[in-house]
C-alpha atoms as a PDB file:
ATOM      1  CA  MET A   1      52.085 -32.606  74.015  1.00  0.00           C
ATOM      2  CA  ASN A   2      53.958 -29.402  73.361  1.00  0.00           C
ATOM      3  CA  ILE A   3      53.041 -27.012  70.554  1.00  0.00           C
ATOM      4  CA  THR A   4      54.728 -23.873  69.250  1.00  0.00           C
ATOM      5  CA  LEU A   5      52.749 -20.719  68.517  1.00  0.00           C
ATOM      6  CA  SER A   6      53.779 -17.590  66.671  1.00  0.00           C
ATOM      7  CA  ILE A   7      52.483 -14.399  68.271  1.00  0.00           C
ATOM      8  CA  ASP A   8      53.690 -10.834  68.246  1.00  0.00           C
ATOM      9  CA  GLU A   9      55.474  -9.535  71.333  1.00  0.00           C
ATOM     10  CA  GLN A  10      52.953  -6.814  72.211  1.00  0.00           C
ATOM     11  CA  THR A  11      50.001  -9.229  72.140  1.00  0.00           C
ATOM     12  CA  LEU A  12      51.831 -11.652  74.402  1.00  0.00           C
ATOM     13  CA  LYS A  13      52.840  -8.855  76.771  1.00  0.00           C
ATOM     14  CA  ARG A  14      49.242  -7.549  77.055  1.00  0.00           C
ATOM     15  CA  ALA A  15      47.918 -11.079  77.529  1.00  0.00           C
ATOM     16  CA  ARG A  16      50.390 -11.729  80.347  1.00  0.00           C
ATOM     17  CA  GLU A  17      49.435  -8.473  82.065  1.00  0.00           C
ATOM     18  CA  LYS A  18      45.713  -9.249  81.932  1.00  0.00           C
ATOM     19  CA  LEU A  19      46.171 -12.865  83.003  1.00  0.00           C
ATOM     20  CA  ARG A  20      48.410 -11.850  85.914  1.00  0.00           C
ATOM     21  CA  ALA A  21      45.299 -10.382  87.569  1.00  0.00           C
ATOM     22  CA  THR A  22      43.601 -13.784  87.388  1.00  0.00           C
ATOM     23  CA  GLY A  23      46.654 -15.709  88.558  1.00  0.00           C
ATOM     24  CA  LYS A  24      46.870 -17.631  85.278  1.00  0.00           C
ATOM     25  CA  SER A  25      49.710 -18.116  82.865  1.00  0.00           C
ATOM     26  CA  VAL A  26      49.352 -17.715  79.106  1.00  0.00           C
ATOM     27  CA  ASN A  27      50.034 -21.445  78.798  1.00  0.00           C
ATOM     28  CA  GLN A  28      47.222 -22.295  81.226  1.00  0.00           C
ATOM     29  CA  GLU A  29      44.781 -19.954  79.486  1.00  0.00           C
ATOM     30  CA  ILE A  30      45.520 -21.411  76.048  1.00  0.00           C
ATOM     31  CA  ARG A  31      45.270 -24.972  77.391  1.00  0.00           C
ATOM     32  CA  GLU A  32      41.881 -24.234  78.973  1.00  0.00           C
ATOM     33  CA  HIS A  33      40.665 -22.550  75.798  1.00  0.00           C
ATOM     34  CA  LEU A  34      41.662 -25.544  73.673  1.00  0.00           C
ATOM     35  CA  GLN A  35      39.938 -27.895  76.132  1.00  0.00           C
ATOM     36  CA  HIS A  36      36.809 -25.785  75.815  1.00  0.00           C
ATOM     37  CA  ILE A  37      36.971 -25.874  72.013  1.00  0.00           C
ATOM     38  CA  ALA A  38      37.494 -29.637  72.091  1.00  0.00           C
ATOM     39  CA  GLY A  39      34.365 -29.974  74.210  1.00  0.00           C
ATOM     40  CA  ASP A  40      35.951 -31.216  77.413  1.00  0.00           C
ATOM     41  CA  GLU A  41      33.929 -30.596  80.550  1.00  0.00           C
ATOM     42  CA  ASP A  42      36.976 -29.004  82.164  1.00  0.00           C
ATOM     43  CA  LEU A  43      37.024 -31.348  85.101  1.00  0.00           C
ATOM     44  CA  GLU A  44      40.259 -29.816  86.394  1.00  0.00           C
ATOM     45  CA  LYS A  45      38.604 -26.407  86.713  1.00  0.00           C
ATOM     46  CA  ALA A  46      35.603 -27.870  88.526  1.00  0.00           C
ATOM     47  CA  ILE A  47      37.857 -29.741  90.936  1.00  0.00           C
ATOM     48  CA  GLU A  48      39.961 -26.629  91.528  1.00  0.00           C
ATOM     49  CA  PHE A  49      36.826 -24.602  92.314  1.00  0.00           C
ATOM     50  CA  PHE A  50      35.551 -27.317  94.665  1.00  0.00           C
ATOM     51  CA  VAL A  51      38.852 -27.504  96.532  1.00  0.00           C
ATOM     52  CA  LYS A  52      39.008 -23.703  96.831  1.00  0.00           C
ATOM     53  CA  THR A  53      35.490 -23.349  98.160  1.00  0.00           C
ATOM     54  CA  SER A  54      34.843 -26.537 100.115  1.00  0.00           C
ATOM     55  CA  GLY A  55      34.664 -26.047 103.845  1.00  0.00           C
ATOM     56  CA  GLN A  56      34.800 -22.294 103.621  1.00  0.00           C
ATOM     57  CA  GLY A  57      31.159 -21.365 104.093  1.00  0.00           C
ATOM     58  CA  LYS A  58      30.667 -17.667 103.480  1.00  0.00           C
ATOM     59  CA  PRO A  59      33.984 -16.119 104.488  1.00  0.00           C
ATOM     60  CA  GLU A  60      32.970 -12.660 103.250  1.00  0.00           C
ATOM     61  CA  ALA A  61      30.189 -12.703 105.850  1.00  0.00           C
ATOM     62  CA  GLY A  62      32.441 -14.135 108.551  1.00  0.00           C
ATOM     63  CA  TRP A  63      30.453 -17.378 108.569  1.00  0.00           C
ATOM     64  CA  LYS A  64      31.843 -20.886 108.238  1.00  0.00           C
ATOM     65  CA  TRP A  65      29.940 -24.119 107.739  1.00  0.00           C
ATOM     66  CA  ASN A  66      28.320 -25.350 110.911  1.00  0.00           C
ATOM     67  CA  ARG A  67      27.017 -28.921 110.917  1.00  0.00           C
ATOM     68  CA  ASP A  68      24.272 -28.232 113.449  1.00  0.00           C
ATOM     69  CA  GLU A  69      22.963 -25.236 111.520  1.00  0.00           C
ATOM     70  CA  LEU A  70      22.930 -27.217 108.298  1.00  0.00           C
ATOM     71  CA  TYR A  71      20.991 -29.999 109.979  1.00  0.00           C
ATOM     72  CA  GLU A  72      18.455 -27.503 111.347  1.00  0.00           C
ATOM     73  CA  GLU A  73      17.952 -26.112 107.835  1.00  0.00           C
ATOM     74  CA  ARG A  74      17.413 -29.622 106.505  1.00  0.00           C
ATOM     75  CA  LEU A  75      14.680 -30.250 109.075  1.00  0.00           C
ATOM     76  CA  LYS A  76      12.821 -27.180 107.770  1.00  0.00           C
ATOM     77  CA  TRP A  77      12.610 -28.602 104.225  1.00  0.00           C
ATOM     78  CA  PRO A  78       9.192 -29.891 103.216  1.00  0.00           C
ATOM     79  CA  ARG A  79       9.037 -33.652 103.327  1.00  0.00           C
ATOM     80  CA  LYS A  80       7.386 -35.633 100.588  1.00  0.00           C
END
């Protein structure tokens, strides 16, 4: 559904500048805010985060997921 908002030019300009740093549009930010107000769990955001981070390991440390290392860590866990 489309809605029309009235907002002054300077506010919109400042919002666009700030959101540009996050890679979001004003439309996307308002949509996410309304979803939050409505109580949605924001599944899209969770999926986006998962897709961005899955399979990447710790790129800032130069480390990627390694199946053998993960298995070794699992063997160290206390068993109940």
